[in-house]
Amino acid sequence: MSDSAPTPPPSPAASGGELIYPQQPPKDPTIILVLNLLVGGCLGYFMIGQKMKGIIAVIAWGLGLFSCGIVSGLVAIVAAIDGYLQAQHLKANMPVAQWTFFNDHR
């Protein structure tokens, strides 16, 4: 039998990067959704503080233009849904990690 204490679960920062705390006033999730949908899948991410995610989204969106825009459209839709869910979490006054996706808040 081991006498060592159990290890605590990983923090959100350890599993998803630096934490982003809610802003006052909170950003409207619907605005984040529309901005990510219309502006290269990235502007909403920048507004809520997920800057690296926004940079990756705009790069993926730009590269997706070479597929007749199909991949760009998919990137924008996925980023819009994800941005909406992240903004909802922040609006509920709970932090999100830099690399949290959809409802994967640990």
C-alpha atoms as a PDB file:
ATOM      1  CA  MET A   1       0.000   0.000   0.000  1.00  0.00           C
ATOM      2  CA  SER A   2       1.328   3.415  -0.938  1.00  0.00           C
ATOM      3  CA  ASP A   3       1.486   6.309   1.532  1.00  0.00           C
ATOM      4  CA  SER A   4       1.660   8.989  -1.159  1.00  0.00           C
ATOM      5  CA  ALA A   5      -1.193  11.440  -1.566  1.00  0.00           C
ATOM      6  CA  PRO A   6      -3.291  11.240  -4.728  1.00  0.00           C
ATOM      7  CA  THR A   7      -2.296  13.674  -7.450  1.00  0.00           C
ATOM      8  CA  PRO A   8      -4.739  16.498  -8.077  1.00  0.00           C
ATOM      9  CA  PRO A   9      -6.476  16.696 -11.469  1.00  0.00           C
ATOM     10  CA  PRO A  10      -4.777  18.924 -14.047  1.00  0.00           C
ATOM     11  CA  SER A  11      -5.837  22.550 -13.987  1.00  0.00           C
ATOM     12  CA  PRO A  12      -7.473  24.136 -17.073  1.00  0.00           C
ATOM     13  CA  ALA A  13      -4.280  26.087 -17.620  1.00  0.00           C
ATOM     14  CA  ALA A  14      -2.286  22.850 -17.745  1.00  0.00           C
ATOM     15  CA  SER A  15      -4.656  21.229 -20.223  1.00  0.00           C
ATOM     16  CA  GLY A  16      -5.590  24.161 -22.435  1.00  0.00           C
ATOM     17  CA  GLY A  17      -3.134  26.991 -21.988  1.00  0.00           C
ATOM     18  CA  GLU A  18      -3.359  30.250 -20.095  1.00  0.00           C
ATOM     19  CA  LEU A  19      -6.719  31.127 -18.563  1.00  0.00           C
ATOM     20  CA  ILE A  20      -8.888  33.904 -19.964  1.00  0.00           C
ATOM     21  CA  TYR A  21     -11.089  35.548 -17.374  1.00  0.00           C
ATOM     22  CA  PRO A  22     -14.507  37.139 -17.982  1.00  0.00           C
ATOM     23  CA  GLN A  23     -14.535  40.779 -19.032  1.00  0.00           C
ATOM     24  CA  GLN A  24     -16.863  43.464 -17.748  1.00  0.00           C
ATOM     25  CA  PRO A  25     -19.187  43.995 -19.476  1.00  0.00           C
ATOM     26  CA  PRO A  26     -19.190  40.478 -20.928  1.00  0.00           C
ATOM     27  CA  LYS A  27     -19.108  40.045 -24.692  1.00  0.00           C
ATOM     28  CA  ASP A  28     -22.418  38.988 -26.237  1.00  0.00           C
ATOM     29  CA  PRO A  29     -22.128  35.373 -27.474  1.00  0.00           C
ATOM     30  CA  THR A  30     -24.294  36.139 -30.523  1.00  0.00           C
ATOM     31  CA  ILE A  31     -21.945  38.930 -31.621  1.00  0.00           C
ATOM     32  CA  ILE A  32     -18.957  36.584 -31.243  1.00  0.00           C
ATOM     33  CA  LEU A  33     -20.776  33.982 -33.368  1.00  0.00           C
ATOM     34  CA  VAL A  34     -21.536  36.485 -36.153  1.00  0.00           C
ATOM     35  CA  LEU A  35     -18.021  37.962 -36.148  1.00  0.00           C
ATOM     36  CA  ASN A  36     -16.361  34.532 -36.373  1.00  0.00           C
ATOM     37  CA  LEU A  37     -18.766  33.544 -39.140  1.00  0.00           C
ATOM     38  CA  LEU A  38     -18.242  36.679 -41.235  1.00  0.00           C
ATOM     39  CA  VAL A  39     -14.608  37.662 -40.605  1.00  0.00           C
ATOM     40  CA  GLY A  40     -12.336  34.748 -41.428  1.00  0.00           C
ATOM     41  CA  GLY A  41     -13.294  32.697 -38.385  1.00  0.00           C
ATOM     42  CA  CYS A  42     -11.153  34.841 -36.115  1.00  0.00           C
ATOM     43  CA  LEU A  43     -12.447  38.268 -35.016  1.00  0.00           C
ATOM     44  CA  GLY A  44     -14.679  36.869 -32.270  1.00  0.00           C
ATOM     45  CA  TYR A  45     -11.749  34.904 -30.844  1.00  0.00           C
ATOM     46  CA  PHE A  46      -9.674  38.074 -30.660  1.00  0.00           C
ATOM     47  CA  MET A  47     -12.512  39.881 -28.876  1.00  0.00           C
ATOM     48  CA  ILE A  48     -12.800  37.246 -26.140  1.00  0.00           C
ATOM     49  CA  GLY A  49      -9.031  36.910 -25.727  1.00  0.00           C
ATOM     50  CA  GLN A  50      -8.289  33.609 -27.488  1.00  0.00           C
ATOM     51  CA  LYS A  51      -5.687  35.250 -29.728  1.00  0.00           C
ATOM     52  CA  MET A  52      -3.689  32.167 -30.755  1.00  0.00           C
ATOM     53  CA  LYS A  53      -6.880  30.360 -31.662  1.00  0.00           C
ATOM     54  CA  GLY A  54      -7.869  33.351 -33.792  1.00  0.00           C
ATOM     55  CA  ILE A  55      -4.510  33.354 -35.585  1.00  0.00           C
ATOM     56  CA  ILE A  56      -4.771  29.627 -36.358  1.00  0.00           C
ATOM     57  CA  ALA A  57      -8.387  30.055 -37.526  1.00  0.00           C
ATOM     58  CA  VAL A  58      -7.537  32.872 -39.943  1.00  0.00           C
ATOM     59  CA  ILE A  59      -4.583  30.905 -41.349  1.00  0.00           C
ATOM     60  CA  ALA A  60      -6.800  27.828 -41.852  1.00  0.00           C
ATOM     61  CA  TRP A  61      -9.500  30.042 -43.373  1.00  0.00           C
ATOM     62  CA  GLY A  62      -6.997  31.639 -45.766  1.00  0.00           C
ATOM     63  CA  LEU A  63      -5.531  28.293 -46.834  1.00  0.00           C
ATOM     64  CA  GLY A  64      -9.073  26.985 -47.280  1.00  0.00           C
ATOM     65  CA  LEU A  65      -9.670  29.536 -50.023  1.00  0.00           C
ATOM     66  CA  PHE A  66      -7.623  27.261 -52.302  1.00  0.00           C
ATOM     67  CA  SER A  67     -10.399  24.647 -52.031  1.00  0.00           C
ATOM     68  CA  CYS A  68     -12.923  26.931 -53.743  1.00  0.00           C
ATOM     69  CA  GLY A  69     -13.875  28.257 -50.300  1.00  0.00           C
ATOM     70  CA  ILE A  70     -15.378  25.018 -48.989  1.00  0.00           C
ATOM     71  CA  VAL A  71     -12.796  24.582 -46.222  1.00  0.00           C
ATOM     72  CA  SER A  72     -12.953  28.311 -45.429  1.00  0.00           C
ATOM     73  CA  GLY A  73     -16.703  28.037 -44.965  1.00  0.00           C
ATOM     74  CA  LEU A  74     -16.315  25.036 -42.670  1.00  0.00           C
ATOM     75  CA  VAL A  75     -13.631  26.815 -40.623  1.00  0.00           C
ATOM     76  CA  ALA A  76     -15.902  29.856 -40.240  1.00  0.00           C
ATOM     77  CA  ILE A  77     -18.890  27.723 -39.165  1.00  0.00           C
ATOM     78  CA  VAL A  78     -16.892  25.684 -36.629  1.00  0.00           C
ATOM     79  CA  ALA A  79     -15.205  28.847 -35.279  1.00  0.00           C
ATOM     80  CA  ALA A  80     -18.587  30.585 -35.002  1.00  0.00           C
ATOM     81  CA  ILE A  81     -20.104  27.753 -32.959  1.00  0.00           C
ATOM     82  CA  ASP A  82     -17.000  27.380 -30.795  1.00  0.00           C
ATOM     83  CA  GLY A  83     -16.702  31.145 -30.235  1.00  0.00           C
ATOM     84  CA  TYR A  84     -20.359  31.295 -29.218  1.00  0.00           C
ATOM     85  CA  LEU A  85     -19.881  28.515 -26.649  1.00  0.00           C
ATOM     86  CA  GLN A  86     -16.698  30.124 -25.260  1.00  0.00           C
ATOM     87  CA  ALA A  87     -18.444  33.505 -24.962  1.00  0.00           C
ATOM     88  CA  GLN A  88     -21.397  31.876 -23.179  1.00  0.00           C
ATOM     89  CA  HIS A  89     -19.003  30.337 -20.673  1.00  0.00           C
ATOM     90  CA  LEU A  90     -17.309  33.699 -20.110  1.00  0.00           C
ATOM     91  CA  LYS A  91     -20.684  35.449 -19.810  1.00  0.00           C
ATOM     92  CA  ALA A  92     -21.562  32.957 -17.033  1.00  0.00           C
ATOM     93  CA  ASN A  93     -18.540  34.460 -15.211  1.00  0.00           C
ATOM     94  CA  MET A  94     -16.327  31.375 -15.629  1.00  0.00           C
ATOM     95  CA  PRO A  95     -12.828  31.447 -17.160  1.00  0.00           C
ATOM     96  CA  VAL A  96     -11.847  29.536 -20.301  1.00  0.00           C
ATOM     97  CA  ALA A  97      -8.423  28.319 -21.353  1.00  0.00           C
ATOM     98  CA  GLN A  98      -6.646  29.631 -24.444  1.00  0.00           C
ATOM     99  CA  TRP A  99      -7.186  26.300 -26.245  1.00  0.00           C
ATOM    100  CA  THR A 100     -10.591  25.241 -24.879  1.00  0.00           C
ATOM    101  CA  PHE A 101     -12.891  23.954 -27.639  1.00  0.00           C
ATOM    102  CA  PHE A 102     -16.701  23.730 -27.575  1.00  0.00           C
ATOM    103  CA  ASN A 103     -17.858  22.603 -24.096  1.00  0.00           C
ATOM    104  CA  ASP A 104     -14.588  20.967 -23.044  1.00  0.00           C
ATOM    105  CA  HIS A 105     -14.211  23.049 -19.859  1.00  0.00           C
ATOM    106  CA  ARG A 106     -12.302  21.100 -17.229  1.00  0.00           C
END
